[in-house]
Every structure is written in C-alpha cells, then in structure tokens.
Amino acid sequence: MKFHLATASGQNLFTGYGPGYVAINNVRHEEHLVIMPDRVMAWRVTGFDALEASHFEYLLGLRPEIVLLGTGKTLRFPRPELSRLFSSAGVGFEAMDSRAACRTYNILTAEGRKVLAAIFIA
C-alpha cells in the first residue's frame, strides 16, 4: 500500500507499507523502528512480547507529545504498567496496528504535532 500526503519537505513521512517493511520518504525499512518528523532510528527490541519499561523510557527520552505504538499486523495492547509510563509523564499514547499507526503518524505530522511512532514490522 502506498500513502500519499503532501506536507513540508524535510519531514519524515510514511510513503508505503507492506508485508515485512515500511517505506519512509520512499526508503524501505525492514526492521522495527522509531520515527519522528526529524529522525528515523532502528528500535532495538526483539518483538512485542519483549517490551519492557526501558523500551518505553527510551521513547519518553525523545520528548514527544504523542507516542503511537504500531503493534504489527494486529492491534495488541502493552501491559498496563507500561502504558501508564506515558500518562504519568503527560505524554499521549495510543496502540494500534502498524498500518493504522503509519497513517495516523502522517496526519499528526502534517498538523505540526511532535509525534513519535514506534513501529513493529509485520
């Protein structure tokens, strides 16, 4: 699936999504990653079931307003004690399947929000 959204240049946007990859600014990525409007980073987590507080603390350290957790092909919810880390820090948090997280990230970025998407590649 290709995404089409016009926005200011210089921002990272999802431009495609498919089995085993996402495309950011037309560059294919096949590993779990963290994306913000100004950077793209590999996310060193082995999978959804391996999520720990340290993974979410790393995301909080990037100082986003909103965190979108793309959980792969299907929607999954992290353990409540992990999700509470975001509310305790005053950061918005939403879990959704990775395809929906990619679309939502693009919309929030176009609105000028300081959004972070942590995406599990499915």
N, C-alpha and C. Protein backbone atom coordinates (compact mmCIF):
# COMPACT_ATOMS: atom_id res chain seq x y z
N MET A 1 0.84 -1.16 0.00
CA MET A 1 0.00 0.00 0.00
C MET A 1 0.89 1.23 0.00
N LYS A 2 0.55 2.21 -0.82
CA LYS A 2 1.27 3.47 -0.85
C LYS A 2 0.42 4.54 -0.19
N PHE A 3 1.11 5.44 0.51
CA PHE A 3 0.45 6.57 1.14
C PHE A 3 0.81 7.81 0.34
N HIS A 4 -0.13 8.74 0.23
CA HIS A 4 0.15 10.00 -0.44
C HIS A 4 -0.34 11.11 0.46
N LEU A 5 0.57 11.96 0.89
CA LEU A 5 0.22 13.09 1.72
C LEU A 5 1.22 14.20 1.43
N ALA A 6 0.74 15.35 1.10
CA ALA A 6 1.62 16.47 0.81
C ALA A 6 1.85 17.25 2.10
N THR A 7 3.09 17.54 2.40
CA THR A 7 3.44 18.31 3.58
C THR A 7 4.78 18.98 3.33
N ALA A 8 5.23 19.74 4.28
CA ALA A 8 6.51 20.45 4.14
C ALA A 8 7.65 19.47 3.95
N SER A 9 8.57 19.85 3.09
CA SER A 9 9.72 18.98 2.87
C SER A 9 10.59 18.95 4.12
N GLY A 10 11.42 17.95 4.19
CA GLY A 10 12.31 17.81 5.33
C GLY A 10 11.73 17.03 6.48
N GLN A 11 10.46 16.64 6.39
CA GLN A 11 9.85 15.84 7.44
C GLN A 11 9.79 14.39 7.00
N ASN A 12 9.97 13.50 7.94
CA ASN A 12 9.86 12.07 7.65
C ASN A 12 8.39 11.68 7.62
N LEU A 13 8.00 11.01 6.54
CA LEU A 13 6.63 10.52 6.39
C LEU A 13 6.65 9.10 5.89
N PHE A 14 5.67 8.33 6.28
CA PHE A 14 5.49 7.00 5.72
C PHE A 14 4.95 7.15 4.31
N THR A 15 5.61 6.50 3.37
CA THR A 15 5.18 6.55 1.97
C THR A 15 4.75 5.18 1.47
N GLY A 16 4.87 4.16 2.29
CA GLY A 16 4.42 2.83 1.90
C GLY A 16 4.45 1.88 3.08
N TYR A 17 3.71 0.79 2.92
CA TYR A 17 3.62 -0.23 3.96
C TYR A 17 3.26 -1.54 3.28
N GLY A 18 3.90 -2.62 3.71
CA GLY A 18 3.58 -3.93 3.16
C GLY A 18 4.12 -5.02 4.06
N PRO A 19 3.92 -6.27 3.67
CA PRO A 19 4.42 -7.38 4.49
C PRO A 19 5.93 -7.29 4.67
N GLY A 20 6.36 -7.12 5.90
CA GLY A 20 7.79 -7.12 6.22
C GLY A 20 8.52 -5.81 6.01
N TYR A 21 7.81 -4.71 5.75
CA TYR A 21 8.51 -3.44 5.56
C TYR A 21 7.57 -2.25 5.73
N VAL A 22 8.19 -1.11 5.93
CA VAL A 22 7.55 0.19 5.76
C VAL A 22 8.49 1.01 4.90
N ALA A 23 7.97 2.01 4.22
CA ALA A 23 8.79 2.95 3.47
C ALA A 23 8.63 4.32 4.09
N ILE A 24 9.75 4.98 4.31
CA ILE A 24 9.76 6.33 4.84
C ILE A 24 10.48 7.19 3.81
N ASN A 25 9.80 8.20 3.32
CA ASN A 25 10.35 9.05 2.26
C ASN A 25 10.88 8.20 1.12
N ASN A 26 10.13 7.17 0.78
CA ASN A 26 10.43 6.24 -0.31
C ASN A 26 11.66 5.37 -0.08
N VAL A 27 12.11 5.27 1.17
CA VAL A 27 13.21 4.37 1.53
C VAL A 27 12.63 3.21 2.33
N ARG A 28 12.91 2.01 1.90
CA ARG A 28 12.36 0.81 2.51
C ARG A 28 13.11 0.47 3.81
N HIS A 29 12.34 0.12 4.86
CA HIS A 29 12.90 -0.29 6.15
C HIS A 29 12.27 -1.62 6.52
N GLU A 30 13.10 -2.58 6.93
CA GLU A 30 12.61 -3.93 7.24
C GLU A 30 12.88 -4.33 8.69
N GLU A 31 13.12 -3.36 9.55
CA GLU A 31 13.35 -3.64 10.96
C GLU A 31 12.45 -2.74 11.80
N HIS A 32 12.20 -3.14 13.04
CA HIS A 32 11.40 -2.31 13.94
C HIS A 32 12.08 -0.94 14.02
N LEU A 33 11.27 0.11 14.07
CA LEU A 33 11.88 1.42 14.07
C LEU A 33 11.07 2.44 14.82
N VAL A 34 11.75 3.55 15.10
CA VAL A 34 11.15 4.72 15.73
C VAL A 34 11.29 5.85 14.72
N ILE A 35 10.20 6.53 14.46
CA ILE A 35 10.22 7.65 13.53
C ILE A 35 9.62 8.88 14.18
N MET A 36 10.29 9.99 13.94
CA MET A 36 9.79 11.31 14.34
C MET A 36 9.92 12.20 13.11
N PRO A 37 9.28 13.34 13.10
CA PRO A 37 9.38 14.20 11.92
C PRO A 37 10.81 14.52 11.50
N ASP A 38 11.73 14.54 12.46
CA ASP A 38 13.11 14.93 12.14
C ASP A 38 14.14 13.80 12.21
N ARG A 39 13.71 12.56 12.50
CA ARG A 39 14.67 11.46 12.57
C ARG A 39 13.99 10.10 12.45
N VAL A 40 14.80 9.14 12.01
CA VAL A 40 14.38 7.74 11.90
C VAL A 40 15.48 6.91 12.55
N MET A 41 15.08 6.03 13.48
CA MET A 41 16.06 5.22 14.21
C MET A 41 15.60 3.77 14.28
N ALA A 42 16.55 2.86 14.21
CA ALA A 42 16.23 1.46 14.47
C ALA A 42 15.79 1.35 15.92
N TRP A 43 14.80 0.49 16.18
CA TRP A 43 14.32 0.27 17.55
C TRP A 43 14.80 -1.10 17.97
N ARG A 44 15.70 -1.12 18.91
CA ARG A 44 16.35 -2.35 19.37
C ARG A 44 15.47 -3.11 20.36
N VAL A 45 14.41 -3.68 19.84
CA VAL A 45 13.53 -4.54 20.63
C VAL A 45 13.27 -5.78 19.78
N THR A 46 13.28 -6.94 20.40
CA THR A 46 13.16 -8.18 19.61
C THR A 46 11.74 -8.46 19.15
N GLY A 47 10.76 -7.92 19.82
CA GLY A 47 9.38 -8.15 19.44
C GLY A 47 8.44 -7.60 20.49
N PHE A 48 7.16 -7.61 20.18
CA PHE A 48 6.15 -7.04 21.07
C PHE A 48 6.19 -7.68 22.45
N ASP A 49 6.31 -8.99 22.52
CA ASP A 49 6.29 -9.68 23.81
C ASP A 49 7.51 -9.38 24.67
N ALA A 50 8.54 -8.80 24.07
CA ALA A 50 9.76 -8.46 24.81
C ALA A 50 9.74 -7.03 25.36
N LEU A 51 8.64 -6.30 25.15
CA LEU A 51 8.59 -4.91 25.62
C LEU A 51 8.78 -4.82 27.13
N GLU A 52 9.62 -3.90 27.53
CA GLU A 52 9.92 -3.63 28.94
C GLU A 52 9.85 -2.13 29.19
N ALA A 53 9.84 -1.75 30.44
CA ALA A 53 9.79 -0.34 30.80
C ALA A 53 10.94 0.44 30.15
N SER A 54 12.11 -0.17 30.05
CA SER A 54 13.26 0.54 29.46
C SER A 54 13.01 0.93 28.01
N HIS A 55 12.25 0.14 27.26
CA HIS A 55 11.93 0.49 25.88
C HIS A 55 11.06 1.74 25.83
N PHE A 56 10.09 1.83 26.72
CA PHE A 56 9.21 2.99 26.74
C PHE A 56 9.91 4.20 27.35
N GLU A 57 10.78 4.00 28.31
CA GLU A 57 11.56 5.11 28.87
C GLU A 57 12.46 5.72 27.80
N TYR A 58 13.00 4.89 26.93
CA TYR A 58 13.79 5.39 25.80
C TYR A 58 12.94 6.31 24.92
N LEU A 59 11.70 5.88 24.62
CA LEU A 59 10.81 6.70 23.80
C LEU A 59 10.49 8.02 24.50
N LEU A 60 10.23 7.97 25.79
CA LEU A 60 9.96 9.19 26.54
C LEU A 60 11.15 10.14 26.53
N GLY A 61 12.35 9.60 26.53
CA GLY A 61 13.56 10.42 26.48
C GLY A 61 13.69 11.23 25.20
N LEU A 62 12.95 10.87 24.17
CA LEU A 62 12.96 11.61 22.91
C LEU A 62 12.01 12.80 22.94
N ARG A 63 11.27 12.95 24.03
CA ARG A 63 10.41 14.09 24.34
C ARG A 63 9.29 14.34 23.33
N PRO A 64 8.53 13.30 23.00
CA PRO A 64 7.39 13.51 22.10
C PRO A 64 6.18 14.05 22.86
N GLU A 65 5.22 14.59 22.12
CA GLU A 65 3.91 14.95 22.68
C GLU A 65 3.00 13.73 22.69
N ILE A 66 3.14 12.94 21.62
CA ILE A 66 2.27 11.79 21.39
C ILE A 66 3.12 10.62 20.93
N VAL A 67 2.84 9.43 21.47
CA VAL A 67 3.51 8.21 21.02
C VAL A 67 2.45 7.28 20.42
N LEU A 68 2.73 6.83 19.21
CA LEU A 68 1.89 5.83 18.55
C LEU A 68 2.68 4.54 18.52
N LEU A 69 2.11 3.48 19.07
CA LEU A 69 2.75 2.18 19.06
C LEU A 69 2.08 1.33 17.99
N GLY A 70 2.82 1.04 16.93
CA GLY A 70 2.32 0.18 15.86
C GLY A 70 2.68 -1.25 16.19
N THR A 71 1.68 -2.07 16.50
CA THR A 71 1.91 -3.39 17.09
C THR A 71 1.99 -4.52 16.07
N GLY A 72 2.19 -4.21 14.80
CA GLY A 72 2.29 -5.25 13.78
C GLY A 72 0.99 -5.37 13.01
N LYS A 73 0.71 -6.58 12.51
CA LYS A 73 -0.48 -6.81 11.69
C LYS A 73 -1.79 -6.61 12.44
N THR A 74 -1.77 -6.89 13.73
CA THR A 74 -2.99 -6.79 14.53
C THR A 74 -2.76 -5.89 15.73
N LEU A 75 -3.84 -5.34 16.22
CA LEU A 75 -3.79 -4.49 17.40
C LEU A 75 -3.51 -5.35 18.63
N ARG A 76 -2.53 -4.94 19.39
CA ARG A 76 -2.22 -5.57 20.68
C ARG A 76 -1.97 -4.45 21.67
N PHE A 77 -2.23 -4.72 22.93
CA PHE A 77 -2.03 -3.71 23.95
C PHE A 77 -0.88 -4.11 24.87
N PRO A 78 0.02 -3.18 25.15
CA PRO A 78 1.09 -3.49 26.10
C PRO A 78 0.52 -3.63 27.51
N ARG A 79 1.30 -4.23 28.37
CA ARG A 79 0.86 -4.38 29.76
C ARG A 79 0.52 -3.00 30.35
N PRO A 80 -0.52 -2.93 31.16
CA PRO A 80 -0.96 -1.63 31.70
C PRO A 80 0.14 -0.85 32.41
N GLU A 81 1.01 -1.52 33.13
CA GLU A 81 2.07 -0.78 33.83
C GLU A 81 3.02 -0.09 32.86
N LEU A 82 3.14 -0.62 31.65
CA LEU A 82 3.97 0.04 30.64
C LEU A 82 3.26 1.25 30.06
N SER A 83 2.00 1.11 29.74
CA SER A 83 1.23 2.23 29.18
C SER A 83 1.14 3.39 30.16
N ARG A 84 1.05 3.08 31.45
CA ARG A 84 0.95 4.13 32.47
C ARG A 84 2.18 5.03 32.51
N LEU A 85 3.32 4.56 32.03
CA LEU A 85 4.51 5.40 31.99
C LEU A 85 4.24 6.68 31.19
N PHE A 86 3.48 6.57 30.12
CA PHE A 86 3.20 7.74 29.28
C PHE A 86 2.25 8.70 29.97
N SER A 87 1.16 8.18 30.55
CA SER A 87 0.23 9.08 31.22
C SER A 87 0.89 9.76 32.42
N SER A 88 1.75 9.05 33.11
CA SER A 88 2.48 9.65 34.25
C SER A 88 3.38 10.79 33.80
N ALA A 89 3.88 10.70 32.56
CA ALA A 89 4.77 11.73 32.01
C ALA A 89 4.00 12.82 31.25
N GLY A 90 2.67 12.70 31.16
CA GLY A 90 1.88 13.68 30.45
C GLY A 90 2.01 13.59 28.93
N VAL A 91 2.33 12.38 28.44
CA VAL A 91 2.50 12.15 27.00
C VAL A 91 1.34 11.30 26.51
N GLY A 92 0.73 11.72 25.42
CA GLY A 92 -0.35 10.95 24.83
C GLY A 92 0.18 9.62 24.30
N PHE A 93 -0.62 8.58 24.41
CA PHE A 93 -0.19 7.25 23.97
C PHE A 93 -1.37 6.52 23.35
N GLU A 94 -1.10 5.88 22.21
CA GLU A 94 -2.13 5.09 21.55
C GLU A 94 -1.47 3.88 20.90
N ALA A 95 -2.03 2.71 21.15
CA ALA A 95 -1.59 1.48 20.48
C ALA A 95 -2.56 1.19 19.35
N MET A 96 -2.03 0.76 18.22
CA MET A 96 -2.86 0.41 17.06
C MET A 96 -2.04 -0.49 16.15
N ASP A 97 -2.69 -1.14 15.18
CA ASP A 97 -1.89 -1.95 14.27
C ASP A 97 -0.94 -1.02 13.51
N SER A 98 0.13 -1.58 12.98
CA SER A 98 1.18 -0.76 12.38
C SER A 98 0.69 0.05 11.18
N ARG A 99 -0.19 -0.52 10.38
CA ARG A 99 -0.71 0.22 9.22
C ARG A 99 -1.45 1.48 9.68
N ALA A 100 -2.31 1.35 10.68
CA ALA A 100 -3.04 2.50 11.21
C ALA A 100 -2.09 3.50 11.86
N ALA A 101 -1.06 3.02 12.55
CA ALA A 101 -0.08 3.90 13.18
C ALA A 101 0.65 4.73 12.12
N CYS A 102 0.97 4.12 10.99
CA CYS A 102 1.65 4.85 9.91
C CYS A 102 0.76 5.98 9.38
N ARG A 103 -0.50 5.67 9.13
CA ARG A 103 -1.42 6.69 8.62
C ARG A 103 -1.64 7.81 9.64
N THR A 104 -1.83 7.43 10.90
CA THR A 104 -2.07 8.42 11.94
C THR A 104 -0.85 9.31 12.15
N TYR A 105 0.33 8.70 12.12
CA TYR A 105 1.57 9.48 12.24
C TYR A 105 1.63 10.55 11.15
N ASN A 106 1.35 10.18 9.90
CA ASN A 106 1.41 11.15 8.80
C ASN A 106 0.45 12.32 9.02
N ILE A 107 -0.75 12.02 9.49
CA ILE A 107 -1.73 13.08 9.74
C ILE A 107 -1.25 14.01 10.84
N LEU A 108 -0.79 13.45 11.95
CA LEU A 108 -0.33 14.28 13.07
C LEU A 108 0.91 15.09 12.70
N THR A 109 1.80 14.51 11.91
CA THR A 109 2.98 15.25 11.45
C THR A 109 2.56 16.43 10.58
N ALA A 110 1.61 16.20 9.68
CA ALA A 110 1.12 17.27 8.81
C ALA A 110 0.48 18.40 9.62
N GLU A 111 -0.05 18.06 10.79
CA GLU A 111 -0.65 19.07 11.67
C GLU A 111 0.41 19.81 12.50
N GLY A 112 1.68 19.40 12.36
CA GLY A 112 2.75 20.05 13.10
C GLY A 112 2.93 19.53 14.51
N ARG A 113 2.38 18.38 14.82
CA ARG A 113 2.50 17.80 16.16
C ARG A 113 3.86 17.13 16.33
N LYS A 114 4.34 17.08 17.55
CA LYS A 114 5.60 16.40 17.85
C LYS A 114 5.26 14.94 18.18
N VAL A 115 5.09 14.16 17.14
CA VAL A 115 4.64 12.78 17.26
C VAL A 115 5.81 11.82 17.07
N LEU A 116 5.71 10.71 17.73
CA LEU A 116 6.70 9.62 17.60
C LEU A 116 5.92 8.35 17.31
N ALA A 117 6.36 7.61 16.31
CA ALA A 117 5.76 6.30 16.03
C ALA A 117 6.82 5.24 16.27
N ALA A 118 6.49 4.28 17.10
CA ALA A 118 7.35 3.11 17.35
C ALA A 118 6.65 1.95 16.65
N ILE A 119 7.28 1.44 15.60
CA ILE A 119 6.61 0.52 14.68
C ILE A 119 7.25 -0.87 14.71
N PHE A 120 6.41 -1.88 14.96
CA PHE A 120 6.82 -3.25 14.79
C PHE A 120 6.51 -3.64 13.35
N ILE A 121 7.52 -4.12 12.65
CA ILE A 121 7.35 -4.52 11.26
C ILE A 121 6.69 -5.90 11.25
N ALA A 122 5.63 -6.01 10.46
CA ALA A 122 4.90 -7.28 10.41
C ALA A 122 5.06 -7.93 9.05
